[in-house]
Amino acid sequence: MSAPKIVIVKESISELKSLLKKSSSLIIPRVRMLIEIKKNEEQGISKRELADLIGVNHNSIQKWRGFYLVGGIELLCSHKKTGFRPSVISKEEHLVIGSLLNDPQNGLRGYNELMIYLEKEFNKKIKLNVRHFT
């Protein structure tokens, strides 16, 4: 078994704990990793031990340590996730469609009728993404 990789964390534990309080849920495990590395700075800690302590995959630890070594805390705390794609349907249109779908007398009877209605009333063509239904 190889020796654990020694990573020198420049930030203090108090700085990291302060950052932890301000971080998003995506960044929290990364900062927790730095705290554990800082605590074990002299003897080192393996990526598998870190993964067990933090509750993530050891490959994530390896990637995050690499980010920190290359770009410091700035790179480690950045991410490219932008969130969900904005809806094609506005809130007002969503309310109209919802009332039609819940109307037993004059409602829409299926996907095709909904697509025809959207195109006719709101001039919108929407493609169904079937990846999410498998």
N, C-alpha and C. Protein backbone atom coordinates (compact mmCIF):
# COMPACT_ATOMS: atom_id res chain seq x y z
N MET A 1 0.84 -1.17 0.00
CA MET A 1 0.00 0.00 0.00
C MET A 1 0.89 1.24 0.00
N SER A 2 0.56 2.21 -0.81
CA SER A 2 1.37 3.42 -0.92
C SER A 2 1.07 4.38 0.23
N ALA A 3 2.01 5.27 0.46
CA ALA A 3 1.85 6.28 1.52
C ALA A 3 0.82 7.31 1.09
N PRO A 4 0.09 7.88 2.04
CA PRO A 4 -0.90 8.90 1.68
C PRO A 4 -0.22 10.14 1.10
N LYS A 5 -0.90 10.78 0.18
CA LYS A 5 -0.37 11.98 -0.45
C LYS A 5 -0.41 13.13 0.56
N ILE A 6 0.71 13.79 0.71
CA ILE A 6 0.79 14.93 1.62
C ILE A 6 0.39 16.19 0.86
N VAL A 7 -0.65 16.85 1.34
CA VAL A 7 -1.13 18.10 0.75
C VAL A 7 -1.05 19.15 1.83
N ILE A 8 -0.39 20.26 1.53
CA ILE A 8 -0.29 21.36 2.49
C ILE A 8 -1.43 22.34 2.21
N VAL A 9 -2.32 22.48 3.18
CA VAL A 9 -3.45 23.40 3.07
C VAL A 9 -3.01 24.74 3.63
N LYS A 10 -3.08 25.77 2.80
CA LYS A 10 -2.61 27.11 3.19
C LYS A 10 -3.54 27.79 4.19
N GLU A 11 -4.82 27.54 4.07
CA GLU A 11 -5.82 28.19 4.92
C GLU A 11 -5.83 27.55 6.31
N SER A 12 -6.19 28.33 7.32
CA SER A 12 -6.30 27.80 8.68
C SER A 12 -7.64 27.07 8.82
N ILE A 13 -7.74 26.27 9.86
CA ILE A 13 -8.99 25.55 10.11
C ILE A 13 -10.12 26.54 10.38
N SER A 14 -9.85 27.62 11.09
CA SER A 14 -10.91 28.60 11.36
C SER A 14 -11.37 29.28 10.06
N GLU A 15 -10.44 29.56 9.15
CA GLU A 15 -10.84 30.12 7.84
C GLU A 15 -11.70 29.13 7.07
N LEU A 16 -11.32 27.87 7.12
CA LEU A 16 -12.07 26.84 6.40
C LEU A 16 -13.46 26.65 7.01
N LYS A 17 -13.56 26.69 8.33
CA LYS A 17 -14.86 26.55 8.98
C LYS A 17 -15.76 27.74 8.65
N SER A 18 -15.17 28.91 8.56
CA SER A 18 -15.94 30.09 8.16
C SER A 18 -16.44 29.95 6.73
N LEU A 19 -15.57 29.46 5.85
CA LEU A 19 -15.95 29.22 4.45
C LEU A 19 -17.04 28.15 4.37
N LEU A 20 -16.93 27.15 5.22
CA LEU A 20 -17.91 26.06 5.25
C LEU A 20 -19.31 26.59 5.52
N LYS A 21 -19.44 27.56 6.42
CA LYS A 21 -20.74 28.13 6.76
C LYS A 21 -21.37 28.90 5.61
N LYS A 22 -20.52 29.45 4.72
CA LYS A 22 -21.01 30.26 3.60
C LYS A 22 -21.18 29.46 2.32
N SER A 23 -20.76 28.20 2.31
CA SER A 23 -20.71 27.42 1.08
C SER A 23 -22.03 26.77 0.73
N SER A 24 -22.20 26.52 -0.57
CA SER A 24 -23.38 25.80 -1.06
C SER A 24 -23.19 24.30 -0.79
N SER A 25 -24.25 23.56 -0.94
CA SER A 25 -24.19 22.12 -0.68
C SER A 25 -23.23 21.39 -1.61
N LEU A 26 -22.96 21.96 -2.78
CA LEU A 26 -21.99 21.36 -3.70
C LEU A 26 -20.56 21.54 -3.21
N ILE A 27 -20.30 22.60 -2.51
CA ILE A 27 -18.94 22.95 -2.09
C ILE A 27 -18.60 22.42 -0.69
N ILE A 28 -19.59 22.22 0.14
CA ILE A 28 -19.36 21.80 1.53
C ILE A 28 -18.46 20.57 1.64
N PRO A 29 -18.70 19.49 0.90
CA PRO A 29 -17.80 18.33 1.05
C PRO A 29 -16.35 18.65 0.67
N ARG A 30 -16.16 19.54 -0.27
CA ARG A 30 -14.81 19.91 -0.68
C ARG A 30 -14.08 20.64 0.45
N VAL A 31 -14.79 21.54 1.11
CA VAL A 31 -14.19 22.28 2.22
C VAL A 31 -13.96 21.34 3.40
N ARG A 32 -14.89 20.44 3.63
CA ARG A 32 -14.71 19.45 4.70
C ARG A 32 -13.46 18.60 4.44
N MET A 33 -13.21 18.29 3.17
CA MET A 33 -12.02 17.54 2.80
C MET A 33 -10.77 18.32 3.22
N LEU A 34 -10.75 19.63 2.93
CA LEU A 34 -9.59 20.45 3.30
C LEU A 34 -9.39 20.49 4.81
N ILE A 35 -10.48 20.55 5.55
CA ILE A 35 -10.39 20.57 7.01
C ILE A 35 -9.74 19.28 7.51
N GLU A 36 -10.18 18.15 6.97
CA GLU A 36 -9.61 16.86 7.38
C GLU A 36 -8.15 16.74 6.96
N ILE A 37 -7.82 17.25 5.78
CA ILE A 37 -6.42 17.22 5.35
C ILE A 37 -5.59 18.08 6.29
N LYS A 38 -6.10 19.25 6.66
CA LYS A 38 -5.38 20.16 7.56
C LYS A 38 -5.16 19.50 8.92
N LYS A 39 -6.17 18.80 9.43
CA LYS A 39 -6.04 18.11 10.72
C LYS A 39 -4.97 17.03 10.68
N ASN A 40 -4.80 16.41 9.51
CA ASN A 40 -3.85 15.29 9.35
C ASN A 40 -2.64 15.69 8.51
N GLU A 41 -2.29 16.95 8.56
CA GLU A 41 -1.26 17.49 7.67
C GLU A 41 0.10 16.83 7.86
N GLU A 42 0.48 16.53 9.08
CA GLU A 42 1.82 16.00 9.33
C GLU A 42 1.98 14.56 8.87
N GLN A 43 1.03 13.71 9.18
CA GLN A 43 1.15 12.30 8.80
C GLN A 43 0.48 11.99 7.47
N GLY A 44 -0.39 12.88 6.99
CA GLY A 44 -1.11 12.65 5.73
C GLY A 44 -2.33 11.78 5.96
N ILE A 45 -3.22 11.78 4.99
CA ILE A 45 -4.43 10.96 5.07
C ILE A 45 -4.74 10.49 3.66
N SER A 46 -5.08 9.24 3.53
CA SER A 46 -5.34 8.67 2.20
C SER A 46 -6.66 9.16 1.64
N LYS A 47 -6.78 9.07 0.34
CA LYS A 47 -8.02 9.50 -0.31
C LYS A 47 -9.19 8.61 0.12
N ARG A 48 -8.92 7.36 0.40
CA ARG A 48 -10.00 6.45 0.83
C ARG A 48 -10.47 6.78 2.25
N GLU A 49 -9.54 7.13 3.13
CA GLU A 49 -9.93 7.56 4.48
C GLU A 49 -10.74 8.85 4.42
N LEU A 50 -10.28 9.79 3.59
CA LEU A 50 -11.02 11.05 3.41
C LEU A 50 -12.42 10.77 2.87
N ALA A 51 -12.50 9.90 1.89
CA ALA A 51 -13.79 9.56 1.29
C ALA A 51 -14.75 8.99 2.33
N ASP A 52 -14.23 8.11 3.19
CA ASP A 52 -15.07 7.52 4.25
C ASP A 52 -15.52 8.58 5.25
N LEU A 53 -14.61 9.47 5.63
CA LEU A 53 -14.94 10.53 6.60
C LEU A 53 -16.00 11.49 6.06
N ILE A 54 -15.88 11.82 4.79
CA ILE A 54 -16.75 12.84 4.21
C ILE A 54 -18.00 12.23 3.59
N GLY A 55 -17.93 10.97 3.22
CA GLY A 55 -19.09 10.30 2.64
C GLY A 55 -19.22 10.50 1.15
N VAL A 56 -18.07 10.53 0.47
CA VAL A 56 -18.07 10.66 -0.99
C VAL A 56 -17.20 9.56 -1.58
N ASN A 57 -17.18 9.47 -2.89
CA ASN A 57 -16.36 8.50 -3.58
C ASN A 57 -14.90 8.94 -3.55
N HIS A 58 -13.98 7.99 -3.47
CA HIS A 58 -12.55 8.33 -3.41
C HIS A 58 -12.07 9.03 -4.68
N ASN A 59 -12.75 8.78 -5.80
CA ASN A 59 -12.38 9.48 -7.04
C ASN A 59 -12.69 10.97 -6.95
N SER A 60 -13.74 11.34 -6.24
CA SER A 60 -14.05 12.75 -6.02
C SER A 60 -12.94 13.40 -5.20
N ILE A 61 -12.49 12.70 -4.17
CA ILE A 61 -11.40 13.23 -3.33
C ILE A 61 -10.16 13.47 -4.18
N GLN A 62 -9.83 12.51 -5.02
CA GLN A 62 -8.65 12.64 -5.88
C GLN A 62 -8.78 13.85 -6.80
N LYS A 63 -9.95 14.02 -7.38
CA LYS A 63 -10.19 15.14 -8.29
C LYS A 63 -10.11 16.47 -7.52
N TRP A 64 -10.74 16.54 -6.36
CA TRP A 64 -10.76 17.78 -5.58
C TRP A 64 -9.37 18.15 -5.07
N ARG A 65 -8.60 17.13 -4.65
CA ARG A 65 -7.22 17.42 -4.22
C ARG A 65 -6.43 18.00 -5.39
N GLY A 66 -6.63 17.45 -6.57
CA GLY A 66 -5.96 17.97 -7.76
C GLY A 66 -6.36 19.40 -8.05
N PHE A 67 -7.64 19.71 -7.92
CA PHE A 67 -8.10 21.09 -8.11
C PHE A 67 -7.38 22.02 -7.14
N TYR A 68 -7.31 21.59 -5.87
CA TYR A 68 -6.68 22.43 -4.85
C TYR A 68 -5.20 22.63 -5.15
N LEU A 69 -4.51 21.57 -5.54
CA LEU A 69 -3.08 21.68 -5.83
C LEU A 69 -2.80 22.58 -7.03
N VAL A 70 -3.67 22.55 -8.02
CA VAL A 70 -3.47 23.35 -9.24
C VAL A 70 -3.91 24.80 -9.05
N GLY A 71 -5.10 25.01 -8.46
CA GLY A 71 -5.66 26.36 -8.42
C GLY A 71 -6.04 26.87 -7.05
N GLY A 72 -5.68 26.16 -6.00
CA GLY A 72 -5.98 26.61 -4.65
C GLY A 72 -7.47 26.57 -4.33
N ILE A 73 -7.82 27.32 -3.32
CA ILE A 73 -9.20 27.33 -2.82
C ILE A 73 -10.18 27.87 -3.86
N GLU A 74 -9.70 28.80 -4.71
CA GLU A 74 -10.58 29.39 -5.73
C GLU A 74 -11.07 28.32 -6.71
N LEU A 75 -10.15 27.51 -7.22
CA LEU A 75 -10.55 26.47 -8.17
C LEU A 75 -11.38 25.40 -7.48
N LEU A 76 -10.99 25.04 -6.27
CA LEU A 76 -11.73 24.00 -5.55
C LEU A 76 -13.18 24.41 -5.30
N CYS A 77 -13.39 25.69 -5.02
CA CYS A 77 -14.73 26.16 -4.67
C CYS A 77 -15.54 26.65 -5.87
N SER A 78 -15.00 26.49 -7.06
CA SER A 78 -15.78 26.87 -8.24
C SER A 78 -16.38 25.60 -8.85
N HIS A 79 -17.47 25.77 -9.52
CA HIS A 79 -18.10 24.64 -10.21
C HIS A 79 -18.82 25.17 -11.43
N LYS A 80 -19.10 24.28 -12.36
CA LYS A 80 -19.71 24.68 -13.61
C LYS A 80 -21.21 24.36 -13.66
N LYS A 81 -21.75 23.90 -12.55
CA LYS A 81 -23.18 23.59 -12.54
C LYS A 81 -23.96 24.90 -12.54
N THR A 82 -24.89 25.01 -13.47
CA THR A 82 -25.66 26.24 -13.57
C THR A 82 -27.09 26.07 -13.12
N GLY A 83 -27.47 24.89 -12.75
CA GLY A 83 -28.83 24.68 -12.31
C GLY A 83 -29.70 24.16 -13.44
N PHE A 84 -30.98 24.20 -13.22
CA PHE A 84 -31.91 23.68 -14.20
C PHE A 84 -32.08 24.65 -15.36
N ARG A 85 -32.39 24.09 -16.49
CA ARG A 85 -32.68 24.89 -17.67
C ARG A 85 -33.97 25.66 -17.41
N PRO A 86 -34.00 26.93 -17.79
CA PRO A 86 -35.24 27.70 -17.57
C PRO A 86 -36.40 27.10 -18.35
N SER A 87 -37.57 27.21 -17.78
CA SER A 87 -38.76 26.66 -18.40
C SER A 87 -39.13 27.43 -19.66
N VAL A 88 -39.62 26.70 -20.65
CA VAL A 88 -40.09 27.30 -21.89
C VAL A 88 -41.46 27.92 -21.67
N ILE A 89 -42.16 27.42 -20.67
CA ILE A 89 -43.52 27.87 -20.38
C ILE A 89 -43.47 28.86 -19.21
N SER A 90 -44.07 30.03 -19.40
CA SER A 90 -44.10 31.04 -18.33
C SER A 90 -45.04 30.60 -17.21
N LYS A 91 -44.98 31.29 -16.08
CA LYS A 91 -45.84 30.94 -14.94
C LYS A 91 -47.31 31.13 -15.28
N GLU A 92 -47.61 32.19 -16.02
CA GLU A 92 -49.00 32.44 -16.41
C GLU A 92 -49.51 31.32 -17.34
N GLU A 93 -48.68 30.94 -18.31
CA GLU A 93 -49.07 29.86 -19.22
C GLU A 93 -49.23 28.55 -18.46
N HIS A 94 -48.36 28.33 -17.49
CA HIS A 94 -48.44 27.12 -16.67
C HIS A 94 -49.76 27.06 -15.92
N LEU A 95 -50.21 28.19 -15.40
CA LEU A 95 -51.49 28.23 -14.69
C LEU A 95 -52.66 27.91 -15.62
N VAL A 96 -52.63 28.47 -16.83
CA VAL A 96 -53.69 28.21 -17.82
C VAL A 96 -53.71 26.72 -18.17
N ILE A 97 -52.55 26.16 -18.44
CA ILE A 97 -52.46 24.74 -18.81
C ILE A 97 -52.93 23.88 -17.64
N GLY A 98 -52.53 24.23 -16.42
CA GLY A 98 -52.95 23.47 -15.24
C GLY A 98 -54.46 23.45 -15.09
N SER A 99 -55.10 24.61 -15.32
CA SER A 99 -56.56 24.63 -15.19
C SER A 99 -57.22 23.80 -16.28
N LEU A 100 -56.65 23.81 -17.49
CA LEU A 100 -57.19 22.97 -18.57
C LEU A 100 -57.02 21.48 -18.26
N LEU A 101 -55.88 21.11 -17.73
CA LEU A 101 -55.64 19.70 -17.42
C LEU A 101 -56.53 19.19 -16.30
N ASN A 102 -56.96 20.09 -15.42
CA ASN A 102 -57.82 19.69 -14.30
C ASN A 102 -59.30 19.90 -14.56
N ASP A 103 -59.65 20.34 -15.75
CA ASP A 103 -61.05 20.58 -16.11
C ASP A 103 -61.64 19.32 -16.74
N PRO A 104 -62.54 18.62 -16.05
CA PRO A 104 -63.07 17.37 -16.60
C PRO A 104 -64.03 17.59 -17.79
N GLN A 105 -64.58 18.80 -17.94
CA GLN A 105 -65.53 19.06 -19.02
C GLN A 105 -64.83 19.46 -20.31
N ASN A 106 -63.88 20.40 -20.25
CA ASN A 106 -63.26 20.94 -21.45
C ASN A 106 -61.73 20.80 -21.44
N GLY A 107 -61.22 19.86 -20.72
CA GLY A 107 -59.78 19.72 -20.56
C GLY A 107 -59.10 19.08 -21.76
N LEU A 108 -57.81 19.02 -21.67
CA LEU A 108 -57.00 18.37 -22.69
C LEU A 108 -56.98 16.88 -22.41
N ARG A 109 -56.99 16.08 -23.49
CA ARG A 109 -57.10 14.64 -23.30
C ARG A 109 -55.79 13.90 -23.47
N GLY A 110 -54.71 14.58 -23.67
CA GLY A 110 -53.45 13.87 -23.81
C GLY A 110 -52.33 14.76 -24.31
N TYR A 111 -51.21 14.14 -24.50
CA TYR A 111 -50.00 14.84 -24.90
C TYR A 111 -50.18 15.56 -26.24
N ASN A 112 -50.75 14.87 -27.23
CA ASN A 112 -50.90 15.48 -28.55
C ASN A 112 -51.80 16.73 -28.50
N GLU A 113 -52.90 16.64 -27.77
CA GLU A 113 -53.79 17.81 -27.64
C GLU A 113 -53.07 18.96 -26.94
N LEU A 114 -52.27 18.64 -25.95
CA LEU A 114 -51.51 19.68 -25.24
C LEU A 114 -50.53 20.36 -26.19
N MET A 115 -49.83 19.60 -27.01
CA MET A 115 -48.86 20.18 -27.95
C MET A 115 -49.57 21.07 -28.98
N ILE A 116 -50.72 20.63 -29.46
CA ILE A 116 -51.49 21.43 -30.42
C ILE A 116 -51.97 22.72 -29.76
N TYR A 117 -52.44 22.61 -28.52
CA TYR A 117 -52.91 23.79 -27.78
C TYR A 117 -51.76 24.78 -27.56
N LEU A 118 -50.61 24.32 -27.15
CA LEU A 118 -49.47 25.20 -26.91
C LEU A 118 -49.06 25.94 -28.18
N GLU A 119 -49.08 25.22 -29.29
CA GLU A 119 -48.68 25.86 -30.55
C GLU A 119 -49.72 26.89 -30.99
N LYS A 120 -51.00 26.54 -30.84
CA LYS A 120 -52.07 27.42 -31.29
C LYS A 120 -52.22 28.65 -30.38
N GLU A 121 -52.24 28.45 -29.07
CA GLU A 121 -52.51 29.53 -28.13
C GLU A 121 -51.29 30.37 -27.77
N PHE A 122 -50.13 29.72 -27.64
CA PHE A 122 -48.94 30.42 -27.17
C PHE A 122 -47.82 30.48 -28.21
N ASN A 123 -48.08 29.91 -29.39
CA ASN A 123 -47.09 29.89 -30.47
C ASN A 123 -45.77 29.26 -30.00
N LYS A 124 -45.89 28.11 -29.31
CA LYS A 124 -44.71 27.41 -28.78
C LYS A 124 -44.72 25.96 -29.22
N LYS A 125 -43.57 25.53 -29.73
CA LYS A 125 -43.36 24.12 -30.04
C LYS A 125 -42.40 23.57 -29.00
N ILE A 126 -42.83 22.53 -28.31
CA ILE A 126 -42.01 21.95 -27.25
C ILE A 126 -41.74 20.50 -27.57
N LYS A 127 -40.48 20.12 -27.41
CA LYS A 127 -40.09 18.73 -27.62
C LYS A 127 -40.04 18.03 -26.27
N LEU A 128 -40.60 16.85 -26.21
CA LEU A 128 -40.55 16.06 -25.00
C LEU A 128 -39.20 15.38 -24.91
N ASN A 129 -38.54 15.49 -23.77
CA ASN A 129 -37.27 14.84 -23.56
C ASN A 129 -37.55 13.50 -22.88
N VAL A 130 -37.52 12.43 -23.63
CA VAL A 130 -37.88 11.12 -23.10
C VAL A 130 -36.80 10.47 -22.26
N ARG A 131 -35.61 11.05 -22.23
CA ARG A 131 -34.54 10.49 -21.41
C ARG A 131 -34.94 10.38 -19.97
N HIS A 132 -35.75 11.31 -19.47
CA HIS A 132 -36.11 11.35 -18.06
C HIS A 132 -37.20 10.34 -17.69
N PHE A 133 -37.79 9.69 -18.68
CA PHE A 133 -38.89 8.79 -18.40
C PHE A 133 -38.48 7.32 -18.50
N THR A 134 -37.22 7.05 -18.75
CA THR A 134 -36.80 5.65 -18.88
C THR A 134 -36.26 5.10 -17.60
